[in-house]
Amino acid sequence: MERLAGRIILLWGFPRAIVAFLAGAVGALALPPFGFLAALFISFTLLVWLMDGSTGNPDGGLFSRLRSAFWLGWFFGFGYFVAGLWWLGNALLVEADEFAWALPLAVIGLPACLALFYGLATALARMFWSDGFGRIAALAFGFGLAEWLRSFVATGFPWNAVGYGAMPIPLMMQSAVLGIYGVTVFAVFVFSAPALIGTKKGMRLGLSLAALLSCAHLGFGAYRLYLADSALAAPAESQMVVRIVQPVIDQARKIEDSDRAEIFEEHLALSALPPEDGGKRPDIIVWPETSIPFILTQNPDALARIAEMLQDDQVLITGVVRSEETGQGFAPRYYNSIYVIDSEGQIVSAADKVHLVPFGEYVPYEDMLRRLGIPEAVAMPGGFSAAPVRAMLTLPGGRVFYPLICYEAIFPQEIGEDVERTSALLNVTNDGWFGATPGPYQHFQQARIRAVENGLPLIRAANTGISAVVDPYGRLIRGMDYNQKGVIDATVSSIPVPHWGEDARQNYFWLVLASMLLIAVVSRAGFNFRTN
């Protein structure tokens, strides 16, 4: 280990950049669908050794001294995000004749931008770098702060935060009650700890602390799952039978006007299937995001067909496109929405999407792009308006669902105080844009973590995977894999389990971040004292 560490530390120039890129790319193997946890130990161990050899001009200013560390983190992040997000380009190939030109922006451009956050992380860490275990605390501090910034800067895109790699199975998901960003801080510390074996200084204390954190992570998970069955024991009136419809509609078909009526009928036919093995009929039927391929309120016959399909006291929850007139002479607004429809064919509740996908559902800085002469960017698919506030979905009988449309489920801060009065998280999505790639599996894992964070079951309907019902501990009750057409029926308890609120998770994150900074600062001060 010492010999390998020495070789990595002494790398310079192009080989150094390549190793940083490959280290980041290897780390992406810890993400779904692979879940190879050891990959992040390799990844961050190499990053620590590369950081040990990162030196700037000692006679220059602060920027000059940190520049080497910044670019090291950038190459690491570029590898991590290219390997983890390459599948985004698949969405642009659905209408390749119009949007294939943007493929490099999705596959290379977005990872290059996201890598700036990891460059910031290593630059911050370098400010407090030392030769002992305090340097891995500095790295944990830098990455924790960078991942938190990534959740909201430029509308935010916290996809594949490092902490998700530490939670591949329910046993390891329970720490999510502390929040994904707090978990990320501790995860980076633990993943970086093997680097101490190669450089020896601070090894015993650093490895002991990493082992303690790992044991706490696993022990807390085991304890929480041990209590799970008693916590979920609930009277019959708190239970509901939910049917999720996964229709597997090809994206090309959804675009064609001629197929819209047939697509609608396919949803109805799947919804009307009898329960398996003589089970109880579903109380709630859930269709995916934008599953009705026309403006439902402009088609009373479609509402009548839904009423015919539903039995008494059943409800349908479906993703729709909602239109809103804005006045004579003005174009209507369109919203990515969810409707709750009762057995009389009446829309009894609705919620619009709040956090839209840039360049997928709307074009940010549209006027500026026009002035810069980039009309192709303005012509990207979209045209939706964002709701000013998030509305809850109230079902007949009083149950309330917390709606998360598509990638809203990757933002912990999107789930506000209203979640305390809800019975379940509801996530409708259409991951068919991304094909049979890691994307749908990564999306599902992040939605699953939201269930653990908020102590609520997750009901998730996807056009072509991953559709599932997940309990408040992240355990799969029923699910359907990608490209598997059909329905799943599952009994869901609406009793929440103990958890921390978002404010408490934020406070915990800042406490953890401060503790890592304190360790790094003390270690750096000791290093400077010894040097002098």
Protein backbone atom coordinates (compact mmCIF):
# COMPACT_ATOMS: atom_id res chain seq x y z
CA MET A 1 0.00 0.00 0.00
CA GLU A 2 2.82 2.42 0.85
CA ARG A 3 4.54 1.81 -2.48
CA LEU A 4 1.28 2.30 -4.40
CA ALA A 5 0.49 5.45 -2.43
CA GLY A 6 3.91 6.84 -3.20
CA ARG A 7 3.47 6.26 -6.92
CA ILE A 8 0.07 7.93 -6.97
CA ILE A 9 1.29 10.90 -4.92
CA LEU A 10 4.18 11.51 -7.33
CA LEU A 11 2.06 11.47 -10.50
CA TRP A 12 2.10 14.71 -12.44
CA GLY A 13 0.55 16.28 -15.53
CA PHE A 14 -1.60 14.21 -17.88
CA PRO A 15 -1.23 10.86 -16.03
CA ARG A 16 -2.41 12.60 -12.85
CA ALA A 17 -5.53 13.92 -14.60
CA ILE A 18 -6.27 10.50 -16.11
CA VAL A 19 -6.00 8.71 -12.75
CA ALA A 20 -8.31 11.32 -11.18
CA PHE A 21 -10.85 10.83 -13.99
CA LEU A 22 -10.70 7.04 -13.68
CA ALA A 23 -10.97 7.21 -9.89
CA GLY A 24 -14.21 9.19 -10.23
CA ALA A 25 -15.53 6.83 -12.91
CA VAL A 26 -14.83 3.78 -10.74
CA GLY A 27 -16.82 5.40 -7.91
CA ALA A 28 -19.94 5.43 -10.10
CA LEU A 29 -20.00 1.61 -9.89
CA ALA A 30 -21.34 1.99 -6.34
CA LEU A 31 -24.55 3.46 -7.78
CA PRO A 32 -27.55 1.45 -9.03
CA PRO A 33 -27.91 -0.90 -10.77
CA PHE A 34 -24.43 -2.14 -9.80
CA GLY A 35 -24.27 -1.29 -6.08
CA PHE A 36 -20.56 -2.22 -5.84
CA LEU A 37 -19.86 -0.50 -2.53
CA ALA A 38 -16.12 -1.18 -2.58
CA ALA A 39 -15.79 1.05 -5.65
CA LEU A 40 -16.09 4.20 -3.54
CA PHE A 41 -13.35 3.00 -1.16
CA ILE A 42 -11.05 2.65 -4.17
CA SER A 43 -12.22 5.94 -5.62
CA PHE A 44 -11.70 8.13 -2.54
CA THR A 45 -8.50 6.40 -1.45
CA LEU A 46 -6.96 7.32 -4.80
CA LEU A 47 -8.32 10.86 -4.49
CA VAL A 48 -6.67 11.34 -1.06
CA TRP A 49 -3.30 10.21 -2.41
CA LEU A 50 -3.67 12.45 -5.44
CA MET A 51 -4.50 15.33 -3.09
CA ASP A 52 -1.35 14.53 -1.07
CA GLY A 53 0.65 15.29 -4.18
CA SER A 54 -1.34 18.38 -5.12
CA THR A 55 0.90 21.41 -4.68
CA GLY A 56 0.38 24.93 -5.91
CA ASN A 57 2.77 27.81 -6.14
CA PRO A 58 3.70 28.58 -2.49
CA ASP A 59 4.72 32.10 -3.46
CA GLY A 60 1.45 32.83 -5.32
CA GLY A 61 -1.88 34.00 -3.99
CA LEU A 62 -4.64 31.83 -2.55
CA PHE A 63 -6.07 31.00 -5.99
CA SER A 64 -2.67 29.95 -7.28
CA ARG A 65 -2.11 27.64 -4.30
CA LEU A 66 -5.52 25.98 -4.67
CA ARG A 67 -5.70 25.72 -8.46
CA SER A 68 -4.04 22.30 -8.65
CA ALA A 69 -6.45 20.86 -6.08
CA PHE A 70 -9.44 22.38 -7.85
CA TRP A 71 -8.57 20.77 -11.19
CA LEU A 72 -7.87 17.48 -9.48
CA GLY A 73 -11.40 17.51 -8.01
CA TRP A 74 -12.82 18.62 -11.35
CA PHE A 75 -11.30 15.65 -13.20
CA PHE A 76 -12.48 13.32 -10.43
CA GLY A 77 -16.01 14.75 -10.65
CA PHE A 78 -15.98 14.68 -14.43
CA GLY A 79 -15.23 10.97 -14.37
CA TYR A 80 -17.87 10.33 -11.71
CA PHE A 81 -20.61 12.20 -13.54
CA VAL A 82 -19.80 10.99 -17.05
CA ALA A 83 -19.86 7.38 -15.80
CA GLY A 84 -22.98 7.98 -13.70
CA LEU A 85 -25.04 10.20 -16.03
CA TRP A 86 -24.14 9.20 -19.61
CA TRP A 87 -27.64 7.77 -20.02
CA LEU A 88 -29.17 11.29 -20.09
CA GLY A 89 -28.26 11.42 -23.76
CA ASN A 90 -30.79 8.67 -24.47
CA ALA A 91 -33.67 11.16 -24.04
CA LEU A 92 -32.34 13.21 -26.95
CA LEU A 93 -32.38 10.19 -29.26
CA VAL A 94 -36.17 9.75 -29.03
CA GLU A 95 -36.46 12.59 -31.55
CA ALA A 96 -32.92 12.33 -32.84
CA ASP A 97 -33.58 14.28 -36.05
CA GLU A 98 -34.35 17.38 -33.96
CA PHE A 99 -32.26 17.05 -30.83
CA ALA A 100 -29.25 14.80 -31.51
CA TRP A 101 -27.16 17.98 -31.85
CA ALA A 102 -27.51 18.46 -28.08
CA LEU A 103 -26.10 15.00 -27.23
CA PRO A 104 -22.61 16.31 -26.30
CA LEU A 105 -24.23 18.88 -23.97
CA ALA A 106 -26.01 16.13 -22.03
CA VAL A 107 -23.23 13.53 -21.98
CA ILE A 108 -20.20 15.84 -21.64
CA GLY A 109 -21.45 19.37 -20.90
CA LEU A 110 -23.61 18.62 -17.84
CA PRO A 111 -20.97 16.42 -16.16
CA ALA A 112 -18.38 19.13 -16.84
CA CYS A 113 -20.59 21.68 -15.05
CA LEU A 114 -21.40 19.37 -12.13
CA ALA A 115 -17.71 18.57 -11.75
CA LEU A 116 -17.14 22.22 -10.76
CA PHE A 117 -18.76 21.40 -7.41
CA TYR A 118 -16.25 18.62 -6.77
CA GLY A 119 -13.47 20.97 -7.82
CA LEU A 120 -14.74 23.35 -5.14
CA ALA A 121 -14.80 20.44 -2.67
CA THR A 122 -11.14 19.57 -3.18
CA ALA A 123 -10.08 23.23 -3.20
CA LEU A 124 -11.80 23.75 0.16
CA ALA A 125 -10.26 20.56 1.51
CA ARG A 126 -6.81 21.68 0.36
CA MET A 127 -7.08 24.79 2.55
CA PHE A 128 -7.11 22.54 5.63
CA TRP A 129 -4.92 19.70 4.33
CA SER A 130 -2.46 18.00 6.66
CA ASP A 131 -0.54 14.74 6.84
CA GLY A 132 -2.78 12.90 9.34
CA PHE A 133 -6.36 11.73 9.50
CA GLY A 134 -7.52 15.36 9.62
CA ARG A 135 -7.10 15.54 5.86
CA ILE A 136 -9.88 13.02 5.26
CA ALA A 137 -12.07 15.08 7.58
CA ALA A 138 -11.20 18.09 5.38
CA LEU A 139 -12.24 16.11 2.30
CA ALA A 140 -15.50 15.07 3.97
CA PHE A 141 -16.18 18.71 4.83
CA GLY A 142 -15.50 19.84 1.25
CA PHE A 143 -17.70 17.19 -0.35
CA GLY A 144 -20.51 17.66 2.15
CA LEU A 145 -20.67 21.38 1.46
CA ALA A 146 -20.36 20.85 -2.31
CA GLU A 147 -23.21 18.30 -2.39
CA TRP A 148 -25.42 20.65 -0.38
CA LEU A 149 -24.68 23.49 -2.82
CA ARG A 150 -25.40 21.17 -5.75
CA SER A 151 -28.92 20.66 -4.40
CA PHE A 152 -30.04 24.22 -5.15
CA VAL A 153 -27.47 26.24 -7.17
CA ALA A 154 -28.78 26.91 -10.72
CA THR A 155 -32.12 25.24 -9.78
CA GLY A 156 -30.20 22.28 -8.32
CA PHE A 157 -29.36 18.79 -9.53
CA PRO A 158 -28.33 16.62 -6.55
CA TRP A 159 -28.52 13.40 -8.58
CA ASN A 160 -26.13 10.67 -7.35
CA ALA A 161 -24.87 12.45 -4.24
CA VAL A 162 -22.01 10.38 -2.80
CA GLY A 163 -24.11 9.36 0.22
CA TYR A 164 -26.40 7.24 -1.98
CA GLY A 165 -23.47 4.92 -2.63
CA ALA A 166 -23.39 4.12 1.10
CA MET A 167 -27.05 2.99 1.08
CA PRO A 168 -27.45 0.14 -1.44
CA ILE A 169 -29.78 -2.02 0.72
CA PRO A 170 -32.46 -1.32 3.38
CA LEU A 171 -30.09 -2.25 6.23
CA MET A 172 -27.84 0.62 5.12
CA MET A 173 -30.67 3.02 4.23
CA GLN A 174 -31.84 3.67 7.78
CA SER A 175 -29.21 6.36 8.40
CA ALA A 176 -31.14 8.42 5.83
CA VAL A 177 -33.38 9.61 8.67
CA LEU A 178 -30.43 11.92 9.41
CA GLY A 179 -30.55 13.32 5.86
CA ILE A 180 -28.67 12.47 2.67
CA TYR A 181 -26.17 15.32 3.07
CA GLY A 182 -25.21 14.36 6.62
CA VAL A 183 -24.77 10.76 5.46
CA THR A 184 -22.61 12.03 2.59
CA VAL A 185 -20.20 13.77 4.99
CA PHE A 186 -19.65 10.62 7.05
CA ALA A 187 -19.57 8.44 3.92
CA VAL A 188 -16.70 10.43 2.36
CA PHE A 189 -14.75 10.17 5.64
CA VAL A 190 -15.21 6.38 5.75
CA PHE A 191 -14.53 5.85 2.04
CA SER A 192 -11.31 7.88 2.33
CA ALA A 193 -10.01 6.10 5.43
CA PRO A 194 -8.07 3.29 3.63
CA ALA A 195 -5.75 5.99 2.25
CA LEU A 196 -4.29 6.27 5.77
CA ILE A 197 -2.87 2.74 5.45
CA GLY A 198 -0.68 3.90 2.61
CA THR A 199 0.72 6.92 4.44
CA LYS A 200 0.59 5.65 8.06
CA LYS A 201 0.27 9.00 9.87
CA GLY A 202 -2.97 9.20 11.80
CA MET A 203 -3.81 5.66 10.68
CA ARG A 204 -4.91 4.18 14.01
CA LEU A 205 -7.15 7.05 15.05
CA GLY A 206 -8.55 7.60 11.56
CA LEU A 207 -9.33 3.94 10.90
CA SER A 208 -10.81 3.54 14.39
CA LEU A 209 -13.16 6.47 13.83
CA ALA A 210 -14.11 5.17 10.36
CA ALA A 211 -14.79 1.71 11.83
CA LEU A 212 -16.90 3.26 14.60
CA LEU A 213 -18.97 5.20 12.04
CA SER A 214 -19.41 2.06 9.91
CA CYS A 215 -20.57 0.03 12.91
CA ALA A 216 -22.98 2.78 13.92
CA HIS A 217 -24.32 2.89 10.34
CA LEU A 218 -24.96 -0.86 10.25
CA GLY A 219 -26.03 -1.17 13.88
CA PHE A 220 -28.58 1.61 13.63
CA GLY A 221 -29.96 0.02 10.47
CA ALA A 222 -30.27 -3.39 12.13
CA TYR A 223 -31.94 -1.89 15.23
CA ARG A 224 -34.41 0.14 13.18
CA LEU A 225 -35.39 -2.83 11.01
CA TYR A 226 -35.76 -4.97 14.14
CA LEU A 227 -38.42 -2.54 15.38
CA ALA A 228 -40.03 -2.15 11.94
CA ASP A 229 -42.74 -4.85 12.16
CA SER A 230 -44.15 -3.56 15.45
CA ALA A 231 -44.01 0.04 14.20
CA LEU A 232 -45.98 -0.90 11.08
CA ALA A 233 -48.64 -2.95 12.90
CA ALA A 234 -51.83 -1.11 12.05
CA PRO A 235 -55.60 -1.56 12.26
CA ALA A 236 -57.41 -2.51 9.07
CA GLU A 237 -58.95 0.94 8.62
CA SER A 238 -55.49 2.47 8.16
CA GLN A 239 -54.67 0.13 5.29
CA MET A 240 -55.36 0.65 1.59
CA VAL A 241 -54.92 -1.57 -1.44
CA VAL A 242 -53.09 0.26 -4.22
CA ARG A 243 -52.80 -0.86 -7.84
CA ILE A 244 -49.95 0.58 -9.90
CA VAL A 245 -50.25 0.39 -13.67
CA GLN A 246 -47.01 0.13 -15.65
CA PRO A 247 -48.09 0.34 -19.31
CA VAL A 248 -44.64 0.39 -21.03
CA ILE A 249 -45.59 2.89 -23.72
CA ASP A 250 -42.79 3.66 -26.17
CA GLN A 251 -41.91 7.35 -26.24
CA ALA A 252 -42.24 7.49 -30.01
CA ARG A 253 -45.86 6.29 -29.72
CA LYS A 254 -46.71 8.96 -27.14
CA ILE A 255 -45.64 11.64 -29.58
CA GLU A 256 -47.87 10.33 -32.39
CA ASP A 257 -51.39 11.80 -32.44
CA SER A 258 -52.79 8.67 -34.08
CA ASP A 259 -51.87 6.43 -31.11
CA ARG A 260 -53.33 8.55 -28.30
CA ALA A 261 -56.74 6.88 -28.09
CA GLU A 262 -55.14 3.43 -28.16
CA ILE A 263 -52.71 4.37 -25.40
CA PHE A 264 -55.59 5.56 -23.23
CA GLU A 265 -57.46 2.29 -23.77
CA GLU A 266 -54.36 0.29 -22.83
CA HIS A 267 -54.29 2.06 -19.46
CA LEU A 268 -57.97 1.35 -18.91
CA ALA A 269 -57.60 -2.33 -19.82
CA LEU A 270 -54.71 -2.86 -17.38
CA SER A 271 -56.58 -1.01 -14.63
CA ALA A 272 -59.63 -3.26 -15.01
CA LEU A 273 -57.73 -6.54 -14.61
CA PRO A 274 -59.03 -8.71 -11.73
CA PRO A 275 -56.85 -8.97 -8.62
CA GLU A 276 -54.34 -11.81 -8.55
CA ASP A 277 -55.25 -14.99 -6.64
CA GLY A 278 -58.63 -13.67 -5.59
CA GLY A 279 -57.14 -10.77 -3.64
CA LYS A 280 -58.98 -7.65 -2.52
CA ARG A 281 -59.87 -5.19 -5.25
CA PRO A 282 -57.73 -2.05 -5.23
CA ASP A 283 -59.00 1.07 -3.50
CA ILE A 284 -56.65 3.31 -5.47
CA ILE A 285 -55.34 2.91 -9.03
CA VAL A 286 -52.25 4.90 -10.01
CA TRP A 287 -51.11 5.76 -13.54
CA PRO A 288 -47.69 7.24 -14.36
CA GLU A 289 -46.64 10.79 -15.25
CA THR A 290 -48.45 12.33 -18.28
CA SER A 291 -50.06 8.95 -18.93
CA ILE A 292 -53.17 10.49 -20.50
CA PRO A 293 -51.87 11.74 -23.87
CA PHE A 294 -54.38 14.59 -24.31
CA ILE A 295 -55.98 17.39 -22.28
CA LEU A 296 -58.40 15.40 -20.16
CA THR A 297 -60.68 18.30 -19.23
CA GLN A 298 -61.31 18.91 -22.93
CA ASN A 299 -62.46 15.34 -23.45
CA PRO A 300 -65.60 14.52 -21.39
CA ASP A 301 -65.86 11.13 -23.12
CA ALA A 302 -62.53 10.13 -21.61
CA LEU A 303 -63.73 11.06 -18.12
CA ALA A 304 -66.84 8.96 -18.76
CA ARG A 305 -64.67 6.00 -19.79
CA ILE A 306 -62.69 6.33 -16.56
CA ALA A 307 -65.95 6.38 -14.57
CA GLU A 308 -67.06 3.19 -16.34
CA MET A 309 -63.79 1.45 -15.49
CA LEU A 310 -63.80 2.45 -11.81
CA GLN A 311 -65.96 0.57 -9.35
CA ASP A 312 -67.84 2.28 -6.54
CA ASP A 313 -65.52 4.06 -4.10
CA GLN A 314 -62.45 3.44 -6.24
CA VAL A 315 -60.30 6.38 -7.31
CA LEU A 316 -57.80 6.88 -10.09
CA ILE A 317 -54.67 8.97 -9.61
CA THR A 318 -53.09 9.86 -12.92
CA GLY A 319 -50.41 12.05 -14.39
CA VAL A 320 -51.83 14.55 -16.89
CA VAL A 321 -51.02 17.71 -18.77
CA ARG A 322 -53.26 20.45 -17.41
CA SER A 323 -54.08 23.56 -19.44
CA GLU A 324 -55.07 26.92 -18.03
CA GLU A 325 -56.50 29.76 -20.10
CA THR A 326 -54.79 33.10 -19.51
CA GLY A 327 -57.16 35.41 -21.33
CA GLN A 328 -58.22 36.24 -24.85
CA GLY A 329 -55.31 36.69 -27.20
CA PHE A 330 -52.83 34.92 -24.89
CA ALA A 331 -51.53 31.39 -25.18
CA PRO A 332 -52.72 28.98 -22.48
CA ARG A 333 -50.35 27.79 -19.77
CA TYR A 334 -49.59 24.10 -19.45
CA TYR A 335 -48.73 22.26 -16.24
CA ASN A 336 -47.31 18.81 -15.56
CA SER A 337 -49.97 17.68 -13.10
CA ILE A 338 -51.69 14.90 -11.18
CA TYR A 339 -55.46 14.41 -10.99
CA VAL A 340 -57.50 12.38 -8.51
CA ILE A 341 -60.65 11.12 -10.26
CA ASP A 342 -63.52 9.41 -8.42
CA SER A 343 -65.90 6.70 -9.63
CA GLU A 344 -68.31 9.38 -10.90
CA GLY A 345 -65.67 10.68 -13.30
CA GLN A 346 -65.14 13.86 -11.28
CA ILE A 347 -61.73 15.43 -10.70
CA VAL A 348 -61.75 15.77 -6.91
CA SER A 349 -58.15 16.90 -6.32
CA ALA A 350 -55.17 18.09 -8.34
CA ALA A 351 -51.53 19.10 -7.93
CA ASP A 352 -49.11 20.75 -10.35
CA LYS A 353 -45.37 20.20 -10.59
CA VAL A 354 -43.33 22.84 -8.76
CA HIS A 355 -39.72 22.00 -9.68
CA LEU A 356 -39.44 21.73 -13.46
CA VAL A 357 -36.59 20.11 -15.40
CA PRO A 358 -34.44 22.75 -17.15
CA PHE A 359 -34.32 22.20 -20.93
CA GLY A 360 -36.77 19.33 -20.50
CA GLU A 361 -39.91 21.10 -19.27
CA TYR A 362 -38.90 24.73 -19.63
CA VAL A 363 -36.03 26.76 -21.07
CA PRO A 364 -34.17 28.83 -18.48
CA TYR A 365 -32.75 32.17 -19.61
CA GLU A 366 -34.75 31.91 -22.83
CA ASP A 367 -34.40 35.60 -23.74
CA MET A 368 -30.64 35.50 -23.20
CA LEU A 369 -30.29 32.38 -25.39
CA ARG A 370 -32.21 34.11 -28.16
CA ARG A 371 -29.93 37.14 -27.95
CA LEU A 372 -26.89 34.87 -28.09
CA GLY A 373 -28.23 33.36 -31.31
CA ILE A 374 -28.87 29.83 -30.06
CA PRO A 375 -32.39 29.15 -31.37
CA GLU A 376 -31.89 25.37 -31.12
CA ALA A 377 -31.73 25.58 -27.31
CA VAL A 378 -34.94 27.60 -27.19
CA ALA A 379 -36.62 24.94 -29.34
CA MET A 380 -35.86 22.18 -26.83
CA PRO A 381 -38.94 20.23 -25.64
CA GLY A 382 -40.78 21.85 -22.77
CA GLY A 383 -43.40 24.56 -22.50
CA PHE A 384 -44.58 23.85 -18.94
CA SER A 385 -45.22 26.40 -16.22
CA ALA A 386 -44.26 25.78 -12.60
CA ALA A 387 -46.81 25.86 -9.81
CA PRO A 388 -46.10 28.61 -7.24
CA VAL A 389 -46.82 26.27 -4.30
CA ARG A 390 -47.14 22.53 -3.83
CA ALA A 391 -50.70 21.27 -3.35
CA MET A 392 -51.49 18.08 -1.46
CA LEU A 393 -53.69 15.41 -3.03
CA THR A 394 -56.78 14.82 -0.88
CA LEU A 395 -58.62 11.58 -1.64
CA PRO A 396 -62.28 10.79 -0.90
CA GLY A 397 -62.36 9.53 2.67
CA GLY A 398 -59.75 12.00 3.87
CA ARG A 399 -56.42 10.38 3.01
CA VAL A 400 -53.77 12.82 1.83
CA PHE A 401 -50.83 12.00 -0.48
CA TYR A 402 -47.68 14.06 -0.93
CA PRO A 403 -47.17 14.40 -4.73
CA LEU A 404 -43.71 14.30 -6.31
CA ILE A 405 -43.65 14.40 -10.09
CA CYS A 406 -40.64 12.84 -11.82
CA TYR A 407 -37.30 14.15 -10.56
CA GLU A 408 -38.86 16.18 -7.73
CA ALA A 409 -38.21 13.01 -5.72
CA ILE A 410 -34.44 13.61 -5.75
CA PHE A 411 -34.75 16.87 -3.77
CA PRO A 412 -35.09 16.30 0.01
CA GLN A 413 -35.90 20.00 0.51
CA GLU A 414 -38.91 19.73 -1.82
CA ILE A 415 -40.73 17.86 0.95
CA GLY A 416 -41.98 20.48 3.38
CA GLU A 417 -43.91 20.55 6.63
CA ASP A 418 -47.15 19.47 4.89
CA VAL A 419 -45.73 15.95 4.75
CA GLU A 420 -46.63 15.52 8.44
CA ARG A 421 -50.33 15.30 7.58
CA THR A 422 -50.00 12.87 4.67
CA SER A 423 -50.47 9.12 4.41
CA ALA A 424 -47.86 8.37 1.73
CA LEU A 425 -45.42 9.84 -0.75
CA LEU A 426 -46.67 9.56 -4.33
CA ASN A 427 -44.11 9.66 -7.14
CA VAL A 428 -45.31 9.46 -10.74
CA THR A 429 -42.65 9.48 -13.42
CA ASN A 430 -41.80 8.52 -16.98
CA ASP A 431 -38.29 7.10 -17.06
CA GLY A 432 -38.96 5.59 -20.48
CA TRP A 433 -37.04 8.54 -21.94
CA PHE A 434 -33.81 6.96 -20.72
CA GLY A 435 -34.18 3.40 -21.98
CA ALA A 436 -32.70 0.31 -20.34
CA THR A 437 -29.85 2.24 -18.69
CA PRO A 438 -28.79 2.89 -15.08
CA GLY A 439 -30.98 6.03 -15.02
CA PRO A 440 -34.31 4.46 -13.94
CA TYR A 441 -32.58 2.42 -11.23
CA GLN A 442 -30.76 5.46 -9.84
CA HIS A 443 -34.01 7.45 -9.85
CA PHE A 444 -35.82 4.69 -7.96
CA GLN A 445 -33.16 4.46 -5.27
CA GLN A 446 -33.30 8.20 -4.59
CA ALA A 447 -37.10 8.15 -4.35
CA ARG A 448 -36.78 5.19 -2.00
CA ILE A 449 -34.49 7.20 0.30
CA ARG A 450 -37.17 9.93 0.50
CA ALA A 451 -39.51 7.33 2.01
CA VAL A 452 -36.98 6.50 4.76
CA GLU A 453 -36.21 10.18 5.43
CA ASN A 454 -39.89 11.01 5.93
CA GLY A 455 -41.11 7.82 7.63
CA LEU A 456 -43.79 7.26 4.99
CA PRO A 457 -44.55 4.58 2.40
CA LEU A 458 -43.74 5.40 -1.21
CA ILE A 459 -46.17 4.68 -4.04
CA ARG A 460 -44.32 4.98 -7.33
CA ALA A 461 -45.80 4.61 -10.81
CA ALA A 462 -43.47 4.73 -13.82
CA ASN A 463 -44.32 4.34 -17.47
CA THR A 464 -41.72 1.63 -17.91
CA GLY A 465 -39.96 1.12 -14.59
CA ILE A 466 -39.22 1.15 -11.82
CA SER A 467 -42.79 1.00 -10.44
CA ALA A 468 -43.03 -0.07 -6.82
CA VAL A 469 -44.58 0.21 -3.40
CA VAL A 470 -41.96 0.76 -0.71
CA ASP A 471 -42.50 0.76 3.05
CA PRO A 472 -41.22 3.58 5.34
CA TYR A 473 -37.99 1.64 5.89
CA GLY A 474 -37.12 1.50 2.20
CA ARG A 475 -38.09 -2.15 1.86
CA LEU A 476 -39.74 -3.22 -1.38
CA ILE A 477 -43.31 -4.46 -0.85
CA ARG A 478 -44.07 -5.05 -4.54
CA GLY A 479 -42.33 -3.84 -7.66
CA MET A 480 -41.98 -4.19 -11.42
CA ASP A 481 -38.69 -4.04 -13.27
CA TYR A 482 -37.90 -1.95 -16.31
CA ASN A 483 -39.83 -2.82 -19.49
CA GLN A 484 -42.22 -5.16 -17.63
CA LYS A 485 -45.81 -4.45 -18.60
CA GLY A 486 -48.63 -5.08 -16.15
CA VAL A 487 -49.99 -4.12 -12.74
CA ILE A 488 -49.00 -4.65 -9.13
CA ASP A 489 -51.42 -4.68 -6.19
CA ALA A 490 -50.09 -3.98 -2.71
CA THR A 491 -51.50 -3.26 0.74
CA VAL A 492 -50.15 -0.05 2.20
CA SER A 493 -50.38 1.10 5.81
CA SER A 494 -50.95 4.83 6.18
CA ILE A 495 -49.43 5.05 9.68
CA PRO A 496 -46.13 7.01 9.63
CA VAL A 497 -43.09 5.81 11.57
CA PRO A 498 -40.76 7.97 13.71
CA HIS A 499 -38.45 10.22 11.71
CA TRP A 500 -36.77 13.61 11.73
CA GLY A 501 -38.22 16.60 9.91
CA GLU A 502 -36.30 18.49 7.22
CA ASP A 503 -35.33 21.26 9.66
CA ALA A 504 -33.85 18.72 12.08
CA ARG A 505 -31.97 17.02 9.24
CA GLN A 506 -30.53 20.36 8.15
CA ASN A 507 -29.39 21.12 11.70
CA TYR A 508 -27.77 17.69 11.92
CA PHE A 509 -25.99 18.30 8.61
CA TRP A 510 -24.48 21.57 9.81
CA LEU A 511 -23.42 19.96 13.08
CA VAL A 512 -21.69 17.09 11.25
CA LEU A 513 -20.09 19.52 8.81
CA ALA A 514 -18.81 21.69 11.66
CA SER A 515 -17.36 18.66 13.45
CA MET A 516 -15.39 17.65 10.35
CA LEU A 517 -14.17 21.21 9.88
CA LEU A 518 -13.05 21.34 13.50
CA ILE A 519 -11.07 18.11 13.14
CA ALA A 520 -9.50 19.41 9.93
CA VAL A 521 -8.59 22.80 11.44
CA VAL A 522 -7.03 21.28 14.58
CA SER A 523 -5.08 18.79 12.47
CA ARG A 524 -3.90 21.56 10.13
CA ALA A 525 -2.81 23.71 13.06
CA GLY A 526 -0.80 20.81 14.48
CA PHE A 527 0.75 20.17 11.06
CA ASN A 528 1.79 23.83 10.73
CA PHE A 529 3.25 23.80 14.25
CA ARG A 530 5.35 20.71 13.52
CA THR A 531 6.48 22.15 10.18
CA ASN A 532 7.61 25.36 11.77
